[in-house]
Each structure stands twice: as structure tokens, then as C-alpha cells.
PDB file of N, CA and C in Angstrom:
ATOM      1  N   MET A   1      12.456  15.834 -59.516  1.00  0.00           N
ATOM      2  CA  MET A   1      12.384  15.539 -58.095  1.00  0.00           C
ATOM      3  C   MET A   1      12.349  16.857 -57.320  1.00  0.00           C
ATOM      4  N   LEU A   2      11.648  16.813 -56.215  1.00  0.00           N
ATOM      5  CA  LEU A   2      11.577  17.976 -55.340  1.00  0.00           C
ATOM      6  C   LEU A   2      12.731  17.948 -54.346  1.00  0.00           C
ATOM      7  N   ARG A   3      13.112  19.117 -53.858  1.00  0.00           N
ATOM      8  CA  ARG A   3      14.204  19.221 -52.893  1.00  0.00           C
ATOM      9  C   ARG A   3      13.642  19.596 -51.532  1.00  0.00           C
ATOM     10  N   ALA A   4      14.225  19.031 -50.477  1.00  0.00           N
ATOM     11  CA  ALA A   4      13.821  19.373 -49.111  1.00  0.00           C
ATOM     12  C   ALA A   4      15.052  19.504 -48.237  1.00  0.00           C
ATOM     13  N   ASP A   5      15.076  20.550 -47.423  1.00  0.00           N
ATOM     14  CA  ASP A   5      16.135  20.671 -46.425  1.00  0.00           C
ATOM     15  C   ASP A   5      15.859  19.708 -45.274  1.00  0.00           C
ATOM     16  N   GLU A   6      14.567  19.546 -44.949  1.00  0.00           N
ATOM     17  CA  GLU A   6      14.150  18.570 -43.939  1.00  0.00           C
ATOM     18  C   GLU A   6      12.901  17.864 -44.437  1.00  0.00           C
ATOM     19  N   LEU A   7      12.910  16.551 -44.402  1.00  0.00           N
ATOM     20  CA  LEU A   7      11.763  15.742 -44.795  1.00  0.00           C
ATOM     21  C   LEU A   7      11.426  14.814 -43.645  1.00  0.00           C
ATOM     22  N   THR A   8      10.187  14.884 -43.182  1.00  0.00           N
ATOM     23  CA  THR A   8       9.713  14.009 -42.113  1.00  0.00           C
ATOM     24  C   THR A   8       8.655  13.086 -42.697  1.00  0.00           C
ATOM     25  N   VAL A   9       8.828  11.793 -42.485  1.00  0.00           N
ATOM     26  CA  VAL A   9       7.895  10.792 -42.986  1.00  0.00           C
ATOM     27  C   VAL A   9       7.249  10.124 -41.774  1.00  0.00           C
ATOM     28  N   VAL A  10       5.916  10.196 -41.699  1.00  0.00           N
ATOM     29  CA  VAL A  10       5.167   9.559 -40.617  1.00  0.00           C
ATOM     30  C   VAL A  10       4.467   8.339 -41.201  1.00  0.00           C
ATOM     31  N   HIS A  11       4.658   7.206 -40.539  1.00  0.00           N
ATOM     32  CA  HIS A  11       4.088   5.945 -41.013  1.00  0.00           C
ATOM     33  C   HIS A  11       2.804   5.618 -40.258  1.00  0.00           C
ATOM     34  N   HIS A  12       2.038   4.687 -40.785  1.00  0.00           N
ATOM     35  CA  HIS A  12       0.767   4.303 -40.171  1.00  0.00           C
ATOM     36  C   HIS A  12       0.941   3.717 -38.774  1.00  0.00           C
ATOM     37  N   ASP A  13       2.094   3.145 -38.489  1.00  0.00           N
ATOM     38  CA  ASP A  13       2.318   2.591 -37.150  1.00  0.00           C
ATOM     39  C   ASP A  13       2.950   3.624 -36.209  1.00  0.00           C
ATOM     40  N   ASP A  14       2.902   4.906 -36.606  1.00  0.00           N
ATOM     41  CA  ASP A  14       3.394   6.056 -35.830  1.00  0.00           C
ATOM     42  C   ASP A  14       4.909   6.149 -35.724  1.00  0.00           C
ATOM     43  N   THR A  15       5.644   5.342 -36.474  1.00  0.00           N
ATOM     44  CA  THR A  15       7.089   5.549 -36.512  1.00  0.00           C
ATOM     45  C   THR A  15       7.371   6.748 -37.408  1.00  0.00           C
ATOM     46  N   VAL A  16       8.492   7.402 -37.145  1.00  0.00           N
ATOM     47  CA  VAL A  16       8.847   8.621 -37.867  1.00  0.00           C
ATOM     48  C   VAL A  16      10.280   8.502 -38.371  1.00  0.00           C
ATOM     49  N   HIS A  17      10.486   8.876 -39.625  1.00  0.00           N
ATOM     50  CA  HIS A  17      11.823   8.975 -40.198  1.00  0.00           C
ATOM     51  C   HIS A  17      12.059  10.436 -40.561  1.00  0.00           C
ATOM     52  N   ARG A  18      13.245  10.952 -40.206  1.00  0.00           N
ATOM     53  CA  ARG A  18      13.600  12.334 -40.555  1.00  0.00           C
ATOM     54  C   ARG A  18      14.873  12.314 -41.406  1.00  0.00           C
ATOM     55  N   PHE A  19      14.835  13.096 -42.467  1.00  0.00           N
ATOM     56  CA  PHE A  19      15.961  13.189 -43.386  1.00  0.00           C
ATOM     57  C   PHE A  19      16.307  14.656 -43.589  1.00  0.00           C
ATOM     58  N   THR A  20      17.566  14.933 -43.848  1.00  0.00           N
ATOM     59  CA  THR A  20      17.986  16.294 -44.161  1.00  0.00           C
ATOM     60  C   THR A  20      18.690  16.295 -45.514  1.00  0.00           C
ATOM     61  N   ASP A  21      18.537  17.424 -46.226  1.00  0.00           N
ATOM     62  CA  ASP A  21      19.184  17.640 -47.516  1.00  0.00           C
ATOM     63  C   ASP A  21      18.915  16.483 -48.476  1.00  0.00           C
ATOM     64  N   VAL A  22      17.655  16.322 -48.883  1.00  0.00           N
ATOM     65  CA  VAL A  22      17.259  15.220 -49.751  1.00  0.00           C
ATOM     66  C   VAL A  22      16.489  15.718 -50.959  1.00  0.00           C
ATOM     67  N   ARG A  23      16.358  14.843 -51.922  1.00  0.00           N
ATOM     68  CA  ARG A  23      15.429  15.023 -53.043  1.00  0.00           C
ATOM     69  C   ARG A  23      14.418  13.890 -52.905  1.00  0.00           C
ATOM     70  N   TYR A  24      13.164  14.159 -53.297  1.00  0.00           N
ATOM     71  CA  TYR A  24      12.131  13.150 -53.107  1.00  0.00           C
ATOM     72  C   TYR A  24      11.052  13.260 -54.172  1.00  0.00           C
ATOM     73  N   THR A  25      10.354  12.157 -54.347  1.00  0.00           N
ATOM     74  CA  THR A  25       9.188  12.099 -55.218  1.00  0.00           C
ATOM     75  C   THR A  25       8.102  11.339 -54.478  1.00  0.00           C
ATOM     76  N   LEU A  26       6.920  11.912 -54.416  1.00  0.00           N
ATOM     77  CA  LEU A  26       5.771  11.268 -53.784  1.00  0.00           C
ATOM     78  C   LEU A  26       4.741  11.014 -54.869  1.00  0.00           C
ATOM     79  N   SER A  27       4.415   9.739 -55.073  1.00  0.00           N
ATOM     80  CA  SER A  27       3.474   9.384 -56.131  1.00  0.00           C
ATOM     81  C   SER A  27       2.541   8.292 -55.634  1.00  0.00           C
ATOM     82  N   ARG A  28       1.668   7.843 -56.515  1.00  0.00           N
ATOM     83  CA  ARG A  28       0.761   6.752 -56.151  1.00  0.00           C
ATOM     84  C   ARG A  28       1.519   5.463 -55.875  1.00  0.00           C
ATOM     85  N   ARG A  29       2.719   5.355 -56.376  1.00  0.00           N
ATOM     86  CA  ARG A  29       3.531   4.150 -56.157  1.00  0.00           C
ATOM     87  C   ARG A  29       4.222   4.170 -54.810  1.00  0.00           C
ATOM     88  N   GLY A  30       4.358   5.352 -54.206  1.00  0.00           N
ATOM     89  CA  GLY A  30       5.015   5.466 -52.916  1.00  0.00           C
ATOM     90  C   GLY A  30       5.917   6.680 -52.838  1.00  0.00           C
ATOM     91  N   LEU A  31       6.816   6.655 -51.892  1.00  0.00           N
ATOM     92  CA  LEU A  31       7.736   7.762 -51.658  1.00  0.00           C
ATOM     93  C   LEU A  31       9.152   7.296 -51.963  1.00  0.00           C
ATOM     94  N   ARG A  32       9.828   8.057 -52.816  1.00  0.00           N
ATOM     95  CA  ARG A  32      11.225   7.760 -53.173  1.00  0.00           C
ATOM     96  C   ARG A  32      12.069   8.909 -52.642  1.00  0.00           C
ATOM     97  N   VAL A  33      13.038   8.592 -51.801  1.00  0.00           N
ATOM     98  CA  VAL A  33      13.912   9.589 -51.195  1.00  0.00           C
ATOM     99  C   VAL A  33      15.336   9.318 -51.669  1.00  0.00           C
ATOM    100  N   VAL A  34      16.010  10.371 -52.148  1.00  0.00           N
ATOM    101  CA  VAL A  34      17.405  10.243 -52.562  1.00  0.00           C
ATOM    102  C   VAL A  34      18.226  11.141 -51.645  1.00  0.00           C
ATOM    103  N   LEU A  35      19.117  10.523 -50.890  1.00  0.00           N
ATOM    104  CA  LEU A  35      19.964  11.248 -49.958  1.00  0.00           C
ATOM    105  C   LEU A  35      21.088  11.966 -50.692  1.00  0.00           C
ATOM    106  N   ALA A  36      21.740  12.888 -50.016  1.00  0.00           N
ATOM    107  CA  ALA A  36      22.851  13.643 -50.603  1.00  0.00           C
ATOM    108  C   ALA A  36      23.981  12.707 -51.039  1.00  0.00           C
ATOM    109  N   THR A  37      24.107  11.559 -50.393  1.00  0.00           N
ATOM    110  CA  THR A  37      25.146  10.585 -50.732  1.00  0.00           C
ATOM    111  C   THR A  37      24.806   9.773 -51.974  1.00  0.00           C
ATOM    112  N   GLY A  38      23.550   9.930 -52.471  1.00  0.00           N
ATOM    113  CA  GLY A  38      23.118   9.162 -53.630  1.00  0.00           C
ATOM    114  C   GLY A  38      22.323   7.923 -53.267  1.00  0.00           C
ATOM    115  N   GLU A  39      22.304   7.569 -51.986  1.00  0.00           N
ATOM    116  CA  GLU A  39      21.534   6.404 -51.534  1.00  0.00           C
ATOM    117  C   GLU A  39      20.049   6.656 -51.741  1.00  0.00           C
ATOM    118  N   GLU A  40      19.336   5.631 -52.223  1.00  0.00           N
ATOM    119  CA  GLU A  40      17.907   5.730 -52.484  1.00  0.00           C
ATOM    120  C   GLU A  40      17.129   4.906 -51.474  1.00  0.00           C
ATOM    121  N   ILE A  41      16.051   5.488 -50.950  1.00  0.00           N
ATOM    122  CA  ILE A  41      15.181   4.783 -50.007  1.00  0.00           C
ATOM    123  C   ILE A  41      13.775   4.830 -50.572  1.00  0.00           C
ATOM    124  N   LEU A  42      13.124   3.678 -50.624  1.00  0.00           N
ATOM    125  CA  LEU A  42      11.770   3.585 -51.148  1.00  0.00           C
ATOM    126  C   LEU A  42      10.813   3.174 -50.040  1.00  0.00           C
ATOM    127  N   PHE A  43       9.685   3.878 -49.942  1.00  0.00           N
ATOM    128  CA  PHE A  43       8.629   3.534 -49.005  1.00  0.00           C
ATOM    129  C   PHE A  43       7.381   3.214 -49.824  1.00  0.00           C
ATOM    130  N   ALA A  44       6.756   2.081 -49.547  1.00  0.00           N
ATOM    131  CA  ALA A  44       5.539   1.702 -50.270  1.00  0.00           C
ATOM    132  C   ALA A  44       4.408   2.672 -49.947  1.00  0.00           C
ATOM    133  N   GLN A  45       3.495   2.869 -50.895  1.00  0.00           N
ATOM    134  CA  GLN A  45       2.416   3.835 -50.714  1.00  0.00           C
ATOM    135  C   GLN A  45       1.571   3.540 -49.488  1.00  0.00           C
ATOM    136  N   HIS A  46       1.348   2.272 -49.176  1.00  0.00           N
ATOM    137  CA  HIS A  46       0.499   1.920 -48.033  1.00  0.00           C
ATOM    138  C   HIS A  46       1.221   2.106 -46.689  1.00  0.00           C
ATOM    139  N   ASP A  47       2.522   2.392 -46.728  1.00  0.00           N
ATOM    140  CA  ASP A  47       3.303   2.542 -45.508  1.00  0.00           C
ATOM    141  C   ASP A  47       3.369   3.990 -45.020  1.00  0.00           C
ATOM    142  N   VAL A  48       3.116   4.958 -45.904  1.00  0.00           N
ATOM    143  CA  VAL A  48       3.286   6.372 -45.560  1.00  0.00           C
ATOM    144  C   VAL A  48       1.934   6.989 -45.198  1.00  0.00           C
ATOM    145  N   LEU A  49       1.843   7.528 -43.994  1.00  0.00           N
ATOM    146  CA  LEU A  49       0.632   8.221 -43.559  1.00  0.00           C
ATOM    147  C   LEU A  49       0.654   9.667 -44.032  1.00  0.00           C
ATOM    148  N   THR A  50       1.760  10.359 -43.766  1.00  0.00           N
ATOM    149  CA  THR A  50       1.887  11.757 -44.188  1.00  0.00           C
ATOM    150  C   THR A  50       3.360  12.138 -44.275  1.00  0.00           C
ATOM    151  N   THR A  51       3.622  13.230 -44.972  1.00  0.00           N
ATOM    152  CA  THR A  51       4.976  13.771 -45.057  1.00  0.00           C
ATOM    153  C   THR A  51       4.932  15.257 -44.721  1.00  0.00           C
ATOM    154  N   HIS A  52       6.014  15.744 -44.162  1.00  0.00           N
ATOM    155  CA  HIS A  52       6.171  17.165 -43.861  1.00  0.00           C
ATOM    156  C   HIS A  52       7.511  17.599 -44.441  1.00  0.00           C
ATOM    157  N   VAL A  53       7.503  18.721 -45.156  1.00  0.00           N
ATOM    158  CA  VAL A  53       8.705  19.195 -45.833  1.00  0.00           C
ATOM    159  C   VAL A  53       9.005  20.620 -45.402  1.00  0.00           C
ATOM    160  N   GLN A  54      10.291  20.891 -45.182  1.00  0.00           N
ATOM    161  CA  GLN A  54      10.751  22.255 -44.934  1.00  0.00           C
ATOM    162  C   GLN A  54      11.881  22.562 -45.898  1.00  0.00           C
ATOM    163  N   THR A  55      11.809  23.748 -46.473  1.00  0.00           N
ATOM    164  CA  THR A  55      12.897  24.223 -47.311  1.00  0.00           C
ATOM    165  C   THR A  55      13.303  25.599 -46.807  1.00  0.00           C
ATOM    166  N   ALA A  56      14.580  25.834 -46.760  1.00  0.00           N
ATOM    167  CA  ALA A  56      15.099  27.129 -46.313  1.00  0.00           C
ATOM    168  C   ALA A  56      15.089  28.088 -47.495  1.00  0.00           C
ATOM    169  N   ALA A  57      14.926  29.357 -47.184  1.00  0.00           N
ATOM    170  CA  ALA A  57      15.011  30.375 -48.233  1.00  0.00           C
ATOM    171  C   ALA A  57      16.431  30.375 -48.775  1.00  0.00           C
ATOM    172  N   ARG A  58      16.552  30.455 -50.090  1.00  0.00           N
ATOM    173  CA  ARG A  58      17.882  30.435 -50.705  1.00  0.00           C
ATOM    174  C   ARG A  58      18.095  31.722 -51.463  1.00  0.00           C
ATOM    175  N   THR A  59      19.262  32.246 -51.347  1.00  0.00           N
ATOM    176  CA  THR A  59      19.589  33.438 -52.134  1.00  0.00           C
ATOM    177  C   THR A  59      19.715  33.019 -53.591  1.00  0.00           C
ATOM    178  N   GLY A  60      19.252  33.854 -54.470  1.00  0.00           N
ATOM    179  CA  GLY A  60      19.319  33.533 -55.889  1.00  0.00           C
ATOM    180  C   GLY A  60      18.185  32.656 -56.372  1.00  0.00           C
ATOM    181  N   ALA A  61      17.259  32.307 -55.505  1.00  0.00           N
ATOM    182  CA  ALA A  61      16.162  31.414 -55.901  1.00  0.00           C
ATOM    183  C   ALA A  61      15.294  32.056 -56.973  1.00  0.00           C
ATOM    184  N   ARG A  62      15.111  33.374 -56.913  1.00  0.00           N
ATOM    185  CA  ARG A  62      14.283  34.047 -57.909  1.00  0.00           C
ATOM    186  C   ARG A  62      14.883  33.870 -59.300  1.00  0.00           C
ATOM    187  N   GLU A  63      16.190  33.989 -59.396  1.00  0.00           N
ATOM    188  CA  GLU A  63      16.841  33.846 -60.683  1.00  0.00           C
ATOM    189  C   GLU A  63      16.805  32.374 -61.142  1.00  0.00           C
ATOM    190  N   GLU A  64      16.973  31.462 -60.184  1.00  0.00           N
ATOM    191  CA  GLU A  64      17.006  30.056 -60.529  1.00  0.00           C
ATOM    192  C   GLU A  64      15.689  29.605 -61.149  1.00  0.00           C
ATOM    193  N   TYR A  65      14.573  30.139 -60.692  1.00  0.00           N
ATOM    194  CA  TYR A  65      13.273  29.735 -61.190  1.00  0.00           C
ATOM    195  C   TYR A  65      12.723  30.691 -62.246  1.00  0.00           C
ATOM    196  N   GLY A  66      13.546  31.658 -62.680  1.00  0.00           N
ATOM    197  CA  GLY A  66      13.145  32.552 -63.748  1.00  0.00           C
ATOM    198  C   GLY A  66      12.080  33.558 -63.354  1.00  0.00           C
ATOM    199  N   ILE A  67      12.029  33.932 -62.079  1.00  0.00           N
ATOM    200  CA  ILE A  67      11.049  34.905 -61.615  1.00  0.00           C
ATOM    201  C   ILE A  67      11.635  36.295 -61.793  1.00  0.00           C
ATOM    202  N   ALA A  68      10.912  37.161 -62.467  1.00  0.00           N
ATOM    203  CA  ALA A  68      11.393  38.522 -62.691  1.00  0.00           C
ATOM    204  C   ALA A  68      11.311  39.334 -61.407  1.00  0.00           C
ATOM    205  N   ALA A  69      12.283  40.206 -61.213  1.00  0.00           N
ATOM    206  CA  ALA A  69      12.302  41.038 -60.003  1.00  0.00           C
ATOM    207  C   ALA A  69      11.325  42.187 -60.124  1.00  0.00           C
TER     208      ALA A  69
END
């Protein structure tokens, strides 16, 4: 699963959902969002128009992903 500090989901009817500190998966089946509390939210593929993700720079990220300095 991917991590997002902020995830914005825009639906076809122009409604918007905003989430903070989540993990998510976007696939042909739809969008699965897991909140920090463990709660899972599922959006059907035909319901999601677009998503926008922001992640903050994290210290130690280079080491976490095995990137050599």
C-alpha cells in the first residue's frame, strides 16, 4: 500500500473527500483507503474521478528505501 500525508478524492458528482495520514491502493477495482485508526473505506472504480496525493519529506527516507548517499 502507498502512504499519503494528504489524500484528496474527487468524485464524478464533484464531491470531494479529504483524508490525512492514510495508506491507500488504487486499482481497477477501485480505491481502498486505510485510515490511521485502521478503518477501511472503499470507493468503487466508477465513483472516483481523480485523486491527488501529498507526502511530506521525511528524514531518513533515503535509508528506508535503500538509496545510497
